[in-house]
Amino acid sequence: MSLCGACTLHIDGQPTRSCVTPISAVQGKAITTIEGIESVVAQTIQQAWTELEVPQCGYCQSGQIMSATALLEKHRQPSDADIDAAMAGNICRCATYARIRSAIKQAAEQLA
């Protein structure tokens, strides 16, 4: 139903919910999962996530990281509104939203 964002992956660099994406829609496209992100942006996001101890239960974290990485790949200095828009489809049951926002901002500063 595409409600939580935990299954987010990148299709041609765009964050996409795999739970509602038919296989026929991705033929010939580049698919990247959490296990395959290796860019400097992804590494910086993951480092910020670790330093700020973002995860609590971990259920949503792969989707959160995939969405945050896609945001910073396209927009290196996001505003709060940009972060809200990019992360809106990702639900965190533990409510670590403040830490997620802080990690995105820290990563953006490090990438600047």
C-alpha atoms as a PDB file:
ATOM      1  CA  MET A   1       0.000   0.000   0.000  1.00  0.00           C
ATOM      2  CA  SER A   2       3.081   2.242  -0.002  1.00  0.00           C
ATOM      3  CA  LEU A   3       2.362   3.698   3.423  1.00  0.00           C
ATOM      4  CA  CYS A   4       5.597   3.328   5.409  1.00  0.00           C
ATOM      5  CA  GLY A   5       8.529   3.709   3.007  1.00  0.00           C
ATOM      6  CA  ALA A   6      10.564   0.893   4.586  1.00  0.00           C
ATOM      7  CA  CYS A   7      10.948  -0.802   1.195  1.00  0.00           C
ATOM      8  CA  THR A   8      12.359   2.286  -0.547  1.00  0.00           C
ATOM      9  CA  LEU A   9      14.974   1.659  -3.205  1.00  0.00           C
ATOM     10  CA  HIS A  10      16.314   3.757  -6.060  1.00  0.00           C
ATOM     11  CA  ILE A  11      15.187   3.264  -9.631  1.00  0.00           C
ATOM     12  CA  ASP A  12      17.379   5.349 -11.909  1.00  0.00           C
ATOM     13  CA  GLY A  13      18.273   7.403  -8.828  1.00  0.00           C
ATOM     14  CA  GLN A  14      14.685   8.113  -7.798  1.00  0.00           C
ATOM     15  CA  PRO A  15      13.413   6.873  -4.430  1.00  0.00           C
ATOM     16  CA  THR A  16      10.674   4.343  -5.166  1.00  0.00           C
ATOM     17  CA  ARG A  17       8.521   2.059  -3.034  1.00  0.00           C
ATOM     18  CA  SER A  18       9.223  -1.490  -4.149  1.00  0.00           C
ATOM     19  CA  CYS A  19       6.018  -2.822  -2.565  1.00  0.00           C
ATOM     20  CA  VAL A  20       3.869  -1.156  -5.236  1.00  0.00           C
ATOM     21  CA  THR A  21       6.256  -1.211  -8.196  1.00  0.00           C
ATOM     22  CA  PRO A  22       5.581  -3.942 -10.726  1.00  0.00           C
ATOM     23  CA  ILE A  23       8.634  -5.670 -12.135  1.00  0.00           C
ATOM     24  CA  SER A  24       7.516  -4.679 -15.639  1.00  0.00           C
ATOM     25  CA  ALA A  25       8.019  -1.010 -14.691  1.00  0.00           C
ATOM     26  CA  VAL A  26      11.729  -1.434 -13.988  1.00  0.00           C
ATOM     27  CA  GLN A  27      12.884  -3.393 -17.010  1.00  0.00           C
ATOM     28  CA  GLY A  28      16.105  -1.864 -18.309  1.00  0.00           C
ATOM     29  CA  LYS A  29      16.427   0.563 -15.395  1.00  0.00           C
ATOM     30  CA  ALA A  30      19.126   0.836 -12.739  1.00  0.00           C
ATOM     31  CA  ILE A  31      17.882  -0.550  -9.413  1.00  0.00           C
ATOM     32  CA  THR A  32      19.817   0.190  -6.236  1.00  0.00           C
ATOM     33  CA  THR A  33      18.960  -1.235  -2.831  1.00  0.00           C
ATOM     34  CA  ILE A  34      20.330  -0.236   0.569  1.00  0.00           C
ATOM     35  CA  GLU A  35      23.015  -2.889   0.145  1.00  0.00           C
ATOM     36  CA  GLY A  36      24.207  -1.281  -3.081  1.00  0.00           C
ATOM     37  CA  ILE A  37      24.451   2.411  -2.303  1.00  0.00           C
ATOM     38  CA  GLU A  38      28.098   3.385  -2.377  1.00  0.00           C
ATOM     39  CA  SER A  39      28.273   7.058  -3.331  1.00  0.00           C
ATOM     40  CA  VAL A  40      30.038   9.652  -1.220  1.00  0.00           C
ATOM     41  CA  VAL A  41      26.610  11.030  -0.326  1.00  0.00           C
ATOM     42  CA  ALA A  42      25.396   7.617   0.851  1.00  0.00           C
ATOM     43  CA  GLN A  43      28.527   7.069   2.903  1.00  0.00           C
ATOM     44  CA  THR A  44      28.182  10.522   4.473  1.00  0.00           C
ATOM     45  CA  ILE A  45      24.520   9.878   5.318  1.00  0.00           C
ATOM     46  CA  GLN A  46      25.381   6.518   6.877  1.00  0.00           C
ATOM     47  CA  GLN A  47      28.192   8.099   8.907  1.00  0.00           C
ATOM     48  CA  ALA A  48      25.848  10.818  10.217  1.00  0.00           C
ATOM     49  CA  TRP A  49      23.236   8.158  11.048  1.00  0.00           C
ATOM     50  CA  THR A  50      25.823   6.314  13.126  1.00  0.00           C
ATOM     51  CA  GLU A  51      27.321   9.377  14.813  1.00  0.00           C
ATOM     52  CA  LEU A  52      23.919  10.730  15.845  1.00  0.00           C
ATOM     53  CA  GLU A  53      22.601   7.277  16.773  1.00  0.00           C
ATOM     54  CA  VAL A  54      19.523   7.743  14.603  1.00  0.00           C
ATOM     55  CA  PRO A  55      18.155   4.179  14.611  1.00  0.00           C
ATOM     56  CA  GLN A  56      16.106   2.943  17.496  1.00  0.00           C
ATOM     57  CA  CYS A  57      14.369  -0.240  16.326  1.00  0.00           C
ATOM     58  CA  GLY A  58      15.784  -0.152  12.794  1.00  0.00           C
ATOM     59  CA  TYR A  59      12.642  -1.201  10.921  1.00  0.00           C
ATOM     60  CA  CYS A  60      12.401   1.925   8.794  1.00  0.00           C
ATOM     61  CA  GLN A  61      16.057   2.856   8.566  1.00  0.00           C
ATOM     62  CA  SER A  62      16.892   1.438   5.149  1.00  0.00           C
ATOM     63  CA  GLY A  63      14.015   3.389   3.620  1.00  0.00           C
ATOM     64  CA  GLN A  64      14.954   6.516   5.553  1.00  0.00           C
ATOM     65  CA  ILE A  65      18.573   6.297   4.377  1.00  0.00           C
ATOM     66  CA  MET A  66      17.530   5.676   0.768  1.00  0.00           C
ATOM     67  CA  SER A  67      15.235   8.725   0.788  1.00  0.00           C
ATOM     68  CA  ALA A  68      17.815  10.924   2.521  1.00  0.00           C
ATOM     69  CA  THR A  69      20.510   9.845   0.071  1.00  0.00           C
ATOM     70  CA  ALA A  70      18.298  10.633  -2.925  1.00  0.00           C
ATOM     71  CA  LEU A  71      17.564  14.056  -1.428  1.00  0.00           C
ATOM     72  CA  LEU A  72      21.226  14.980  -0.919  1.00  0.00           C
ATOM     73  CA  GLU A  73      22.263  13.553  -4.296  1.00  0.00           C
ATOM     74  CA  LYS A  74      20.002  16.162  -5.913  1.00  0.00           C
ATOM     75  CA  HIS A  75      19.991  18.974  -3.348  1.00  0.00           C
ATOM     76  CA  ARG A  76      23.140  19.394  -1.246  1.00  0.00           C
ATOM     77  CA  GLN A  77      21.791  22.214   0.959  1.00  0.00           C
ATOM     78  CA  PRO A  78      18.164  21.291   1.681  1.00  0.00           C
ATOM     79  CA  SER A  79      15.881  23.510   3.725  1.00  0.00           C
ATOM     80  CA  ASP A  80      13.617  22.073   6.404  1.00  0.00           C
ATOM     81  CA  ALA A  81      10.791  22.145   3.847  1.00  0.00           C
ATOM     82  CA  ASP A  82      12.939  20.199   1.359  1.00  0.00           C
ATOM     83  CA  ILE A  83      13.711  17.596   4.030  1.00  0.00           C
ATOM     84  CA  ASP A  84      10.041  17.349   5.007  1.00  0.00           C
ATOM     85  CA  ALA A  85       9.000  16.830   1.388  1.00  0.00           C
ATOM     86  CA  ALA A  86      11.687  14.226   0.662  1.00  0.00           C
ATOM     87  CA  MET A  87      11.088  12.270   3.858  1.00  0.00           C
ATOM     88  CA  ALA A  88       7.273  12.552   3.996  1.00  0.00           C
ATOM     89  CA  GLY A  89       6.711   9.026   2.695  1.00  0.00           C
ATOM     90  CA  ASN A  90       8.846   7.410   5.392  1.00  0.00           C
ATOM     91  CA  ILE A  91       7.215   6.555   8.704  1.00  0.00           C
ATOM     92  CA  CYS A  92       9.267   5.906  11.825  1.00  0.00           C
ATOM     93  CA  ARG A  93       7.330   4.002  14.472  1.00  0.00           C
ATOM     94  CA  CYS A  94       9.878   5.065  17.103  1.00  0.00           C
ATOM     95  CA  ALA A  95       9.531   8.759  16.156  1.00  0.00           C
ATOM     96  CA  THR A  96      13.237   9.437  15.567  1.00  0.00           C
ATOM     97  CA  TYR A  97      12.325  12.246  13.176  1.00  0.00           C
ATOM     98  CA  ALA A  98      14.383  14.883  15.003  1.00  0.00           C
ATOM     99  CA  ARG A  99      17.495  12.685  14.816  1.00  0.00           C
ATOM    100  CA  ILE A 100      16.808  11.899  11.155  1.00  0.00           C
ATOM    101  CA  ARG A 101      16.568  15.624  10.343  1.00  0.00           C
ATOM    102  CA  SER A 102      19.752  16.314  12.320  1.00  0.00           C
ATOM    103  CA  ALA A 103      21.615  13.563  10.482  1.00  0.00           C
ATOM    104  CA  ILE A 104      20.517  14.895   7.095  1.00  0.00           C
ATOM    105  CA  LYS A 105      21.647  18.391   8.056  1.00  0.00           C
ATOM    106  CA  GLN A 106      24.976  17.087   9.391  1.00  0.00           C
ATOM    107  CA  ALA A 107      25.590  15.128   6.189  1.00  0.00           C
ATOM    108  CA  ALA A 108      24.712  18.183   4.087  1.00  0.00           C
ATOM    109  CA  GLU A 109      27.207  20.292   6.056  1.00  0.00           C
ATOM    110  CA  GLN A 110      29.925  17.679   5.589  1.00  0.00           C
ATOM    111  CA  LEU A 111      29.246  17.509   1.856  1.00  0.00           C
ATOM    112  CA  ALA A 112      29.356  21.306   1.438  1.00  0.00           C
END
